[in-house]
Amino acid sequence: MCDQDKERIRYVDFTGQAYSQPQNINISELCNGITVKNLGNTLVLLDDEVLQPGDFKAFGGNRGEVFTGRHNITFTTNGMAVPPAVPAPLAWVTQKFYTTPPPGAKLYLP
């Protein structure tokens, strides 16, 4: 069987970044999946979708897909039953992205 008939291995890596101010998420080049977790004590608005403290939202990609959009993060205490005395907004964003294979790595599945 020649290499062209085998499935190509796709190498991935992950990156994580904390956000504590309203802004656009910096999407990695060749991004295939994103997870946003609210680690603070305020509400996180991810593109106007509310994440309570401790909640998360994941966007997974299928094999070979690359995310080309954008996401916005903002923070608020409006609508909370008991707003925190000292707001501490914090969202953790993890991204999975395709990367080049390391030197000498296999390129195809056996």
C-alpha atoms as a PDB file:
ATOM      1  CA  MET A   1       0.000   0.000   0.000  1.00  0.00           C
ATOM      2  CA  CYS A   2       1.471   3.389  -0.957  1.00  0.00           C
ATOM      3  CA  ASP A   3       1.388   6.450   1.306  1.00  0.00           C
ATOM      4  CA  GLN A   4      -1.296   8.117  -0.835  1.00  0.00           C
ATOM      5  CA  ASP A   5      -3.758   5.358   0.164  1.00  0.00           C
ATOM      6  CA  LYS A   6      -3.085   5.784   3.886  1.00  0.00           C
ATOM      7  CA  GLU A   7      -4.709   8.302   6.182  1.00  0.00           C
ATOM      8  CA  ARG A   8      -2.504  11.335   6.840  1.00  0.00           C
ATOM      9  CA  ILE A   9      -1.729  12.072  10.489  1.00  0.00           C
ATOM     10  CA  ARG A  10      -2.810  15.534  11.630  1.00  0.00           C
ATOM     11  CA  TYR A  11      -0.732  16.986  14.424  1.00  0.00           C
ATOM     12  CA  VAL A  12      -2.414  19.270  16.960  1.00  0.00           C
ATOM     13  CA  ASP A  13      -1.414  21.453  19.865  1.00  0.00           C
ATOM     14  CA  PHE A  14      -3.316  23.380  22.526  1.00  0.00           C
ATOM     15  CA  THR A  15      -3.028  26.882  23.903  1.00  0.00           C
ATOM     16  CA  GLY A  16      -4.730  28.508  26.871  1.00  0.00           C
ATOM     17  CA  GLN A  17      -5.264  32.166  27.682  1.00  0.00           C
ATOM     18  CA  ALA A  18      -7.004  34.050  30.477  1.00  0.00           C
ATOM     19  CA  TYR A  19      -9.358  36.937  29.684  1.00  0.00           C
ATOM     20  CA  SER A  20     -10.516  39.401  32.352  1.00  0.00           C
ATOM     21  CA  GLN A  21     -11.637  42.331  30.206  1.00  0.00           C
ATOM     22  CA  PRO A  22     -14.176  42.575  27.372  1.00  0.00           C
ATOM     23  CA  GLN A  23     -12.489  41.833  24.054  1.00  0.00           C
ATOM     24  CA  ASN A  24     -12.330  39.616  20.980  1.00  0.00           C
ATOM     25  CA  ILE A  25     -10.773  36.196  21.493  1.00  0.00           C
ATOM     26  CA  ASN A  26      -7.538  35.915  19.526  1.00  0.00           C
ATOM     27  CA  ILE A  27      -8.243  32.838  17.396  1.00  0.00           C
ATOM     28  CA  SER A  28      -5.173  30.733  16.595  1.00  0.00           C
ATOM     29  CA  GLU A  29      -4.357  30.077  12.967  1.00  0.00           C
ATOM     30  CA  LEU A  30      -5.656  26.627  11.920  1.00  0.00           C
ATOM     31  CA  CYS A  31      -7.905  26.470  15.015  1.00  0.00           C
ATOM     32  CA  ASN A  32     -10.080  23.336  15.153  1.00  0.00           C
ATOM     33  CA  GLY A  33     -11.789  23.699  18.545  1.00  0.00           C
ATOM     34  CA  ILE A  34     -12.377  26.203  21.348  1.00  0.00           C
ATOM     35  CA  THR A  35     -13.506  25.834  24.968  1.00  0.00           C
ATOM     36  CA  VAL A  36     -14.401  28.847  27.128  1.00  0.00           C
ATOM     37  CA  LYS A  37     -14.767  28.327  30.901  1.00  0.00           C
ATOM     38  CA  ASN A  38     -16.000  30.925  33.372  1.00  0.00           C
ATOM     39  CA  LEU A  39     -13.524  30.797  36.278  1.00  0.00           C
ATOM     40  CA  GLY A  40     -14.608  34.123  37.785  1.00  0.00           C
ATOM     41  CA  ASN A  41     -17.476  35.202  40.006  1.00  0.00           C
ATOM     42  CA  THR A  42     -19.318  37.280  37.379  1.00  0.00           C
ATOM     43  CA  LEU A  43     -21.323  36.275  34.321  1.00  0.00           C
ATOM     44  CA  VAL A  44     -19.378  35.734  31.101  1.00  0.00           C
ATOM     45  CA  LEU A  45     -21.137  36.716  27.905  1.00  0.00           C
ATOM     46  CA  LEU A  46     -19.729  34.717  25.009  1.00  0.00           C
ATOM     47  CA  ASP A  47     -21.254  36.259  21.893  1.00  0.00           C
ATOM     48  CA  ASP A  48     -24.269  37.212  24.080  1.00  0.00           C
ATOM     49  CA  GLU A  49     -24.631  33.649  25.474  1.00  0.00           C
ATOM     50  CA  VAL A  50     -24.504  33.672  29.290  1.00  0.00           C
ATOM     51  CA  LEU A  51     -22.035  31.444  31.140  1.00  0.00           C
ATOM     52  CA  GLN A  52     -22.610  31.252  34.888  1.00  0.00           C
ATOM     53  CA  PRO A  53     -19.561  30.934  37.185  1.00  0.00           C
ATOM     54  CA  GLY A  54     -18.175  27.416  36.657  1.00  0.00           C
ATOM     55  CA  ASP A  55     -19.970  26.906  33.305  1.00  0.00           C
ATOM     56  CA  PHE A  56     -18.186  26.264  30.026  1.00  0.00           C
ATOM     57  CA  LYS A  57     -18.973  26.222  26.308  1.00  0.00           C
ATOM     58  CA  ALA A  58     -17.100  24.089  23.771  1.00  0.00           C
ATOM     59  CA  PHE A  59     -16.971  24.404  20.006  1.00  0.00           C
ATOM     60  CA  GLY A  60     -15.468  21.288  18.470  1.00  0.00           C
ATOM     61  CA  GLY A  61     -14.434  20.879  14.882  1.00  0.00           C
ATOM     62  CA  ASN A  62     -14.660  17.807  12.702  1.00  0.00           C
ATOM     63  CA  ARG A  63     -11.527  16.281  11.247  1.00  0.00           C
ATOM     64  CA  GLY A  64      -9.878  18.716   8.854  1.00  0.00           C
ATOM     65  CA  GLU A  65     -12.130  21.664   9.713  1.00  0.00           C
ATOM     66  CA  VAL A  66     -10.585  25.047  10.554  1.00  0.00           C
ATOM     67  CA  PHE A  67     -12.469  27.775  12.457  1.00  0.00           C
ATOM     68  CA  THR A  68     -12.456  31.111  10.632  1.00  0.00           C
ATOM     69  CA  GLY A  69     -14.919  33.135  12.722  1.00  0.00           C
ATOM     70  CA  ARG A  70     -14.486  35.191  15.844  1.00  0.00           C
ATOM     71  CA  HIS A  71     -15.873  35.235  19.374  1.00  0.00           C
ATOM     72  CA  ASN A  72     -16.361  38.145  21.757  1.00  0.00           C
ATOM     73  CA  ILE A  73     -16.154  37.970  25.546  1.00  0.00           C
ATOM     74  CA  THR A  74     -17.741  40.472  27.929  1.00  0.00           C
ATOM     75  CA  PHE A  75     -18.465  40.330  31.655  1.00  0.00           C
ATOM     76  CA  THR A  76     -21.411  41.526  33.742  1.00  0.00           C
ATOM     77  CA  THR A  77     -23.070  41.160  37.128  1.00  0.00           C
ATOM     78  CA  ASN A  78     -26.479  42.286  35.786  1.00  0.00           C
ATOM     79  CA  GLY A  79     -29.037  39.528  36.229  1.00  0.00           C
ATOM     80  CA  MET A  80     -27.170  37.739  39.025  1.00  0.00           C
ATOM     81  CA  ALA A  81     -29.363  36.828  42.022  1.00  0.00           C
ATOM     82  CA  VAL A  82     -26.580  37.889  44.415  1.00  0.00           C
ATOM     83  CA  PRO A  83     -23.873  39.981  42.707  1.00  0.00           C
ATOM     84  CA  PRO A  84     -20.405  39.529  44.220  1.00  0.00           C
ATOM     85  CA  ALA A  85     -19.176  42.269  46.553  1.00  0.00           C
ATOM     86  CA  VAL A  86     -15.881  42.355  44.652  1.00  0.00           C
ATOM     87  CA  PRO A  87     -16.324  41.309  41.005  1.00  0.00           C
ATOM     88  CA  ALA A  88     -13.506  39.132  39.688  1.00  0.00           C
ATOM     89  CA  PRO A  89     -14.182  38.461  36.005  1.00  0.00           C
ATOM     90  CA  LEU A  90     -12.127  35.632  34.508  1.00  0.00           C
ATOM     91  CA  ALA A  91     -12.630  33.413  31.480  1.00  0.00           C
ATOM     92  CA  TRP A  92     -10.153  30.729  30.423  1.00  0.00           C
ATOM     93  CA  VAL A  93     -10.025  29.980  26.690  1.00  0.00           C
ATOM     94  CA  THR A  94      -8.426  26.770  25.414  1.00  0.00           C
ATOM     95  CA  GLN A  95      -7.859  26.329  21.689  1.00  0.00           C
ATOM     96  CA  LYS A  96      -6.927  23.215  19.720  1.00  0.00           C
ATOM     97  CA  PHE A  97      -5.125  23.925  16.473  1.00  0.00           C
ATOM     98  CA  TYR A  98      -3.329  22.028  13.730  1.00  0.00           C
ATOM     99  CA  THR A  99       0.444  22.328  13.655  1.00  0.00           C
ATOM    100  CA  THR A 100       3.318  21.075  11.531  1.00  0.00           C
ATOM    101  CA  PRO A 101       4.735  17.647  12.381  1.00  0.00           C
ATOM    102  CA  PRO A 102       7.929  17.577  14.430  1.00  0.00           C
ATOM    103  CA  PRO A 103      11.120  16.596  12.548  1.00  0.00           C
ATOM    104  CA  GLY A 104      11.203  12.862  11.841  1.00  0.00           C
ATOM    105  CA  ALA A 105       7.517  12.337  12.746  1.00  0.00           C
ATOM    106  CA  LYS A 106       5.364   9.844  10.896  1.00  0.00           C
ATOM    107  CA  LEU A 107       3.124  11.443   8.296  1.00  0.00           C
ATOM    108  CA  TYR A 108       0.728   8.545   7.701  1.00  0.00           C
ATOM    109  CA  LEU A 109      -1.078   6.003   9.871  1.00  0.00           C
ATOM    110  CA  PRO A 110       0.235   2.451   9.460  1.00  0.00           C
END
